[in-house]
C-alpha atoms as a PDB file:
ATOM      1  CA  UNK A   1      86.503  67.473 211.888  1.00  0.00           C
ATOM      2  CA  UNK A   2      89.713  65.588 212.118  1.00  0.00           C
ATOM      3  CA  UNK A   3      92.242  65.969 215.190  1.00  0.00           C
ATOM      4  CA  UNK A   4      94.984  66.825 212.116  1.00  0.00           C
ATOM      5  CA  UNK A   5      92.459  70.082 211.204  1.00  0.00           C
ATOM      6  CA  UNK A   6      92.117  70.944 214.073  1.00  0.00           C
ATOM      7  CA  UNK A   7      95.052  70.894 215.450  1.00  0.00           C
ATOM      8  CA  UNK A   8      96.215  73.294 212.750  1.00  0.00           C
ATOM      9  CA  UNK A   9      93.508  75.583 213.299  1.00  0.00           C
ATOM     10  CA  UNK A  10      95.153  75.449 217.441  1.00  0.00           C
ATOM     11  CA  UNK A  11      98.323  76.367 215.953  1.00  0.00           C
ATOM     12  CA  UNK A  12      96.997  79.864 214.718  1.00  0.00           C
ATOM     13  CA  UNK A  13      95.168  80.478 217.208  1.00  0.00           C
ATOM     14  CA  UNK A  14      98.318  79.630 219.444  1.00  0.00           C
ATOM     15  CA  UNK A  15     100.071  81.997 217.179  1.00  0.00           C
ATOM     16  CA  UNK A  16      97.943  84.586 216.974  1.00  0.00           C
ATOM     17  CA  UNK A  17      96.563  84.603 220.825  1.00  0.00           C
ATOM     18  CA  UNK A  18      99.543  83.294 222.468  1.00  0.00           C
ATOM     19  CA  UNK A  19      98.644  80.097 225.206  1.00  0.00           C
ATOM     20  CA  UNK A  20      96.534  82.726 227.163  1.00  0.00           C
ATOM     21  CA  UNK A  21      94.843  84.096 224.803  1.00  0.00           C
ATOM     22  CA  UNK A  22      94.015  81.310 223.301  1.00  0.00           C
ATOM     23  CA  UNK A  23      90.168  80.585 223.724  1.00  0.00           C
ATOM     24  CA  UNK A  24      88.636  77.011 222.946  1.00  0.00           C
ATOM     25  CA  UNK A  25      85.383  78.116 222.360  1.00  0.00           C
ATOM     26  CA  UNK A  26      87.182  80.045 219.397  1.00  0.00           C
ATOM     27  CA  UNK A  27      88.832  76.662 218.163  1.00  0.00           C
ATOM     28  CA  UNK A  28      85.941  74.872 218.148  1.00  0.00           C
ATOM     29  CA  UNK A  29      83.807  77.839 216.464  1.00  0.00           C
ATOM     30  CA  UNK A  30      86.085  77.897 213.884  1.00  0.00           C
ATOM     31  CA  UNK A  31      86.508  74.455 213.309  1.00  0.00           C
ATOM     32  CA  UNK A  32      82.169  74.177 212.883  1.00  0.00           C
ATOM     33  CA  UNK A  33      81.705  72.712 215.836  1.00  0.00           C
ATOM     34  CA  UNK A  34      80.532  73.089 220.189  1.00  0.00           C
ATOM     35  CA  UNK A  35      83.212  73.628 222.646  1.00  0.00           C
ATOM     36  CA  UNK A  36      82.353  70.282 224.348  1.00  0.00           C
ATOM     37  CA  UNK A  37      83.009  68.511 221.103  1.00  0.00           C
ATOM     38  CA  UNK A  38      86.752  69.605 221.253  1.00  0.00           C
ATOM     39  CA  UNK A  39      86.881  67.556 224.527  1.00  0.00           C
ATOM     40  CA  UNK A  40      86.544  64.330 222.538  1.00  0.00           C
ATOM     41  CA  UNK A  41      89.751  64.678 221.022  1.00  0.00           C
ATOM     42  CA  UNK A  42      91.468  66.560 223.728  1.00  0.00           C
ATOM     43  CA  UNK A  43      91.463  66.553 227.552  1.00  0.00           C
ATOM     44  CA  UNK A  44      91.918  70.348 227.756  1.00  0.00           C
ATOM     45  CA  UNK A  45      93.915  73.380 226.346  1.00  0.00           C
ATOM     46  CA  UNK A  46      96.860  71.859 228.029  1.00  0.00           C
ATOM     47  CA  UNK A  47      96.280  68.203 226.054  1.00  0.00           C
ATOM     48  CA  UNK A  48      95.448  70.640 223.404  1.00  0.00           C
ATOM     49  CA  UNK A  49      98.740  72.347 223.066  1.00  0.00           C
ATOM     50  CA  UNK A  50     101.082  69.425 223.799  1.00  0.00           C
ATOM     51  CA  UNK A  51      99.344  67.149 221.052  1.00  0.00           C
ATOM     52  CA  UNK A  52      99.889  70.578 218.874  1.00  0.00           C
ATOM     53  CA  UNK A  53     103.535  70.906 219.880  1.00  0.00           C
ATOM     54  CA  UNK A  54     104.144  67.335 219.567  1.00  0.00           C
ATOM     55  CA  UNK A  55     102.747  67.165 215.910  1.00  0.00           C
ATOM     56  CA  UNK A  56     104.951  70.534 214.970  1.00  0.00           C
ATOM     57  CA  UNK A  57     107.841  69.094 216.502  1.00  0.00           C
ATOM     58  CA  UNK A  58     107.418  65.590 214.565  1.00  0.00           C
ATOM     59  CA  UNK A  59     106.429  67.399 210.788  1.00  0.00           C
ATOM     60  CA  UNK A  60     109.516  69.647 211.857  1.00  0.00           C
ATOM     61  CA  UNK A  61     111.970  66.664 212.230  1.00  0.00           C
ATOM     62  CA  UNK A  62     110.137  64.967 209.371  1.00  0.00           C
ATOM     63  CA  UNK A  63     111.409  68.072 206.904  1.00  0.00           C
ATOM     64  CA  UNK A  64     115.089  67.827 208.053  1.00  0.00           C
ATOM     65  CA  UNK A  65     115.064  64.277 207.198  1.00  0.00           C
ATOM     66  CA  UNK A  66     113.459  65.406 203.190  1.00  0.00           C
ATOM     67  CA  UNK A  67     115.758  68.329 202.769  1.00  0.00           C
ATOM     68  CA  UNK A  68     118.762  66.433 203.645  1.00  0.00           C
ATOM     69  CA  UNK A  69     117.430  63.084 201.697  1.00  0.00           C
ATOM     70  CA  UNK A  70     116.938  65.296 199.032  1.00  0.00           C
ATOM     71  CA  UNK A  71     119.982  67.086 199.046  1.00  0.00           C
ATOM     72  CA  UNK A  72     122.289  64.891 199.615  1.00  0.00           C
ATOM     73  CA  UNK A  73     124.855  65.186 197.190  1.00  0.00           C
ATOM     74  CA  UNK A  74     125.079  69.146 197.471  1.00  0.00           C
ATOM     75  CA  UNK A  75     128.113  70.306 199.250  1.00  0.00           C
ATOM     76  CA  UNK A  76     128.223  71.755 202.440  1.00  0.00           C
ATOM     77  CA  UNK A  77     127.755  75.653 201.332  1.00  0.00           C
ATOM     78  CA  UNK A  78     124.861  74.824 199.521  1.00  0.00           C
ATOM     79  CA  UNK A  79     123.103  72.984 201.614  1.00  0.00           C
ATOM     80  CA  UNK A  80     123.575  75.306 204.528  1.00  0.00           C
ATOM     81  CA  UNK A  81     121.780  78.278 201.992  1.00  0.00           C
ATOM     82  CA  UNK A  82     119.231  76.404 201.018  1.00  0.00           C
ATOM     83  CA  UNK A  83     118.325  75.234 204.235  1.00  0.00           C
ATOM     84  CA  UNK A  84     118.519  78.844 205.335  1.00  0.00           C
ATOM     85  CA  UNK A  85     116.122  79.736 202.437  1.00  0.00           C
ATOM     86  CA  UNK A  86     113.671  76.892 202.803  1.00  0.00           C
ATOM     87  CA  UNK A  87     113.527  77.484 206.419  1.00  0.00           C
ATOM     88  CA  UNK A  88     112.589  81.557 205.275  1.00  0.00           C
ATOM     89  CA  UNK A  89     109.948  80.224 203.257  1.00  0.00           C
ATOM     90  CA  UNK A  90     108.051  77.386 206.028  1.00  0.00           C
ATOM     91  CA  UNK A  91     108.148  80.371 207.796  1.00  0.00           C
ATOM     92  CA  UNK A  92     106.122  82.064 206.060  1.00  0.00           C
ATOM     93  CA  UNK A  93     103.869  79.589 204.463  1.00  0.00           C
ATOM     94  CA  UNK A  94     103.336  77.269 208.007  1.00  0.00           C
ATOM     95  CA  UNK A  95     102.673  77.764 211.022  1.00  0.00           C
ATOM     96  CA  UNK A  96     105.422  75.063 212.737  1.00  0.00           C
ATOM     97  CA  UNK A  97     108.464  77.292 212.819  1.00  0.00           C
ATOM     98  CA  UNK A  98     106.489  80.162 214.270  1.00  0.00           C
ATOM     99  CA  UNK A  99     105.168  78.143 216.921  1.00  0.00           C
ATOM    100  CA  UNK A 100     107.988  76.386 217.421  1.00  0.00           C
ATOM    101  CA  UNK A 101     109.259  79.393 218.671  1.00  0.00           C
ATOM    102  CA  UNK A 102     107.185  80.788 220.069  1.00  0.00           C
ATOM    103  CA  UNK A 103     106.507  77.987 222.448  1.00  0.00           C
ATOM    104  CA  UNK A 104     110.118  77.917 222.936  1.00  0.00           C
ATOM    105  CA  UNK A 105     111.145  80.877 224.340  1.00  0.00           C
ATOM    106  CA  UNK A 106     106.968  82.210 225.622  1.00  0.00           C
ATOM    107  CA  UNK A 107     105.534  79.099 226.765  1.00  0.00           C
ATOM    108  CA  UNK A 108     103.025  78.695 229.711  1.00  0.00           C
ATOM    109  CA  UNK A 109     105.195  78.502 233.028  1.00  0.00           C
ATOM    110  CA  UNK A 110     103.837  75.045 233.719  1.00  0.00           C
ATOM    111  CA  UNK A 111     105.177  73.485 230.838  1.00  0.00           C
ATOM    112  CA  UNK A 112     108.420  75.699 229.936  1.00  0.00           C
ATOM    113  CA  UNK A 113     110.811  72.664 231.117  1.00  0.00           C
ATOM    114  CA  UNK A 114     108.236  70.364 228.340  1.00  0.00           C
ATOM    115  CA  UNK A 115     108.693  73.115 226.214  1.00  0.00           C
ATOM    116  CA  UNK A 116     112.652  73.846 226.748  1.00  0.00           C
ATOM    117  CA  UNK A 117     113.439  70.188 226.238  1.00  0.00           C
ATOM    118  CA  UNK A 118     111.170  69.391 223.227  1.00  0.00           C
ATOM    119  CA  UNK A 119     113.405  72.567 221.480  1.00  0.00           C
ATOM    120  CA  UNK A 120     116.049  70.897 222.524  1.00  0.00           C
ATOM    121  CA  UNK A 121     115.215  67.510 220.726  1.00  0.00           C
ATOM    122  CA  UNK A 122     115.089  69.366 217.772  1.00  0.00           C
ATOM    123  CA  UNK A 123     118.233  70.790 217.847  1.00  0.00           C
ATOM    124  CA  UNK A 124     119.806  67.867 218.519  1.00  0.00           C
ATOM    125  CA  UNK A 125     118.028  66.668 215.412  1.00  0.00           C
ATOM    126  CA  UNK A 126     119.241  69.260 213.671  1.00  0.00           C
ATOM    127  CA  UNK A 127     123.173  68.816 214.723  1.00  0.00           C
ATOM    128  CA  UNK A 128     123.198  65.329 214.288  1.00  0.00           C
ATOM    129  CA  UNK A 129     121.797  65.678 210.898  1.00  0.00           C
ATOM    130  CA  UNK A 130     124.127  68.498 210.154  1.00  0.00           C
ATOM    131  CA  UNK A 131     127.051  66.852 211.634  1.00  0.00           C
ATOM    132  CA  UNK A 132     127.763  64.483 208.639  1.00  0.00           C
ATOM    133  CA  UNK A 133     128.182  67.353 206.223  1.00  0.00           C
ATOM    134  CA  UNK A 134     130.365  69.226 208.345  1.00  0.00           C
ATOM    135  CA  UNK A 135     132.756  66.263 208.631  1.00  0.00           C
ATOM    136  CA  UNK A 136     132.769  65.358 205.154  1.00  0.00           C
ATOM    137  CA  UNK A 137     134.000  69.526 204.139  1.00  0.00           C
ATOM    138  CA  UNK A 138     137.917  69.287 203.816  1.00  0.00           C
ATOM    139  CA  UNK A 139     138.755  72.938 204.567  1.00  0.00           C
ATOM    140  CA  UNK A 140     136.621  73.789 207.654  1.00  0.00           C
ATOM    141  CA  UNK A 141     138.924  76.381 209.263  1.00  0.00           C
ATOM    142  CA  UNK A 142     136.953  75.171 212.734  1.00  0.00           C
ATOM    143  CA  UNK A 143     136.469  72.035 214.280  1.00  0.00           C
ATOM    144  CA  UNK A 144     133.682  69.845 212.666  1.00  0.00           C
ATOM    145  CA  UNK A 145     131.799  68.858 215.863  1.00  0.00           C
ATOM    146  CA  UNK A 146     131.317  72.900 215.995  1.00  0.00           C
ATOM    147  CA  UNK A 147     130.033  73.430 212.764  1.00  0.00           C
ATOM    148  CA  UNK A 148     126.371  72.764 213.387  1.00  0.00           C
ATOM    149  CA  UNK A 149     126.323  75.105 216.645  1.00  0.00           C
ATOM    150  CA  UNK A 150     127.702  77.833 214.584  1.00  0.00           C
ATOM    151  CA  UNK A 151     125.009  77.119 211.957  1.00  0.00           C
ATOM    152  CA  UNK A 152     122.056  77.185 214.378  1.00  0.00           C
ATOM    153  CA  UNK A 153     123.551  80.311 215.782  1.00  0.00           C
ATOM    154  CA  UNK A 154     122.769  81.883 212.541  1.00  0.00           C
ATOM    155  CA  UNK A 155     119.329  80.496 211.471  1.00  0.00           C
ATOM    156  CA  UNK A 156     118.587  81.719 215.450  1.00  0.00           C
ATOM    157  CA  UNK A 157     119.310  85.268 214.396  1.00  0.00           C
ATOM    158  CA  UNK A 158     117.757  84.814 211.135  1.00  0.00           C
ATOM    159  CA  UNK A 159     114.319  83.445 212.614  1.00  0.00           C
ATOM    160  CA  UNK A 160     114.381  86.369 214.965  1.00  0.00           C
ATOM    161  CA  UNK A 161     114.729  89.354 211.852  1.00  0.00           C
ATOM    162  CA  UNK A 162     111.787  86.837 210.394  1.00  0.00           C
ATOM    163  CA  UNK A 163     109.808  87.102 213.453  1.00  0.00           C
ATOM    164  CA  UNK A 164     110.127  90.639 214.801  1.00  0.00           C
ATOM    165  CA  UNK A 165     110.831  92.716 211.617  1.00  0.00           C
ATOM    166  CA  UNK A 166     110.100  91.408 208.021  1.00  0.00           C
ATOM    167  CA  UNK A 167     111.405  88.603 205.602  1.00  0.00           C
ATOM    168  CA  UNK A 168     113.133  92.087 203.555  1.00  0.00           C
ATOM    169  CA  UNK A 169     114.867  92.224 206.639  1.00  0.00           C
ATOM    170  CA  UNK A 170     116.265  88.399 206.807  1.00  0.00           C
ATOM    171  CA  UNK A 171     117.245  88.894 203.207  1.00  0.00           C
ATOM    172  CA  UNK A 172     119.049  91.770 203.591  1.00  0.00           C
ATOM    173  CA  UNK A 173     121.027  89.989 207.265  1.00  0.00           C
ATOM    174  CA  UNK A 174     121.288  87.126 205.280  1.00  0.00           C
ATOM    175  CA  UNK A 175     123.255  88.318 202.617  1.00  0.00           C
ATOM    176  CA  UNK A 176     125.052  90.821 205.251  1.00  0.00           C
ATOM    177  CA  UNK A 177     126.195  87.476 206.961  1.00  0.00           C
ATOM    178  CA  UNK A 178     126.334  84.735 204.925  1.00  0.00           C
ATOM    179  CA  UNK A 179     129.542  85.552 203.648  1.00  0.00           C
ATOM    180  CA  UNK A 180     131.070  86.753 206.969  1.00  0.00           C
ATOM    181  CA  UNK A 181     129.315  83.299 208.215  1.00  0.00           C
ATOM    182  CA  UNK A 182     130.594  81.206 205.420  1.00  0.00           C
ATOM    183  CA  UNK A 183     134.451  82.841 205.495  1.00  0.00           C
ATOM    184  CA  UNK A 184     134.460  82.118 208.705  1.00  0.00           C
ATOM    185  CA  UNK A 185     133.796  78.719 208.685  1.00  0.00           C
ATOM    186  CA  UNK A 186     136.586  78.304 205.553  1.00  0.00           C
ATOM    187  CA  UNK A 187     140.594  78.206 205.068  1.00  0.00           C
ATOM    188  CA  UNK A 188     141.650  80.020 202.178  1.00  0.00           C
END
């Protein structure tokens, strides 16, 4: 079994059982190998968790770069709305976002600073990628430097709906808050 496939299995286990409840023996069993074979790839559970996080972070930053490259010609409004929709789809179809969110807010005590720093790295990448779109918008009511933070705040709130509520609740909250958010950004 490849290290990449082991990481995918581990993501699901960390999401389902949390750090404390995840057992290397269960990951090995799902991968069709003995627990001892995992130690060929990872030193221990912490090492596996750190490798999973590194992979997730890289994939999410790559997603952001591809998303913005693919949608470079969209307006700020269309870009932000589509990014929210794409994040909902990614959350429902991939485990990366749930993992990133979970371990940021409920990390193992010994790795709390590590996960906090990595989430800030992700947010810094998102802010840097969003910044040019906000600078292009001529009718902003707010300082363009505040735009990325305002969007991330909206994104975090909607993610909470996905994690603790349902996709339908996400859709309803997006319907309600999108117009409020957008009209608060733009001069009339």
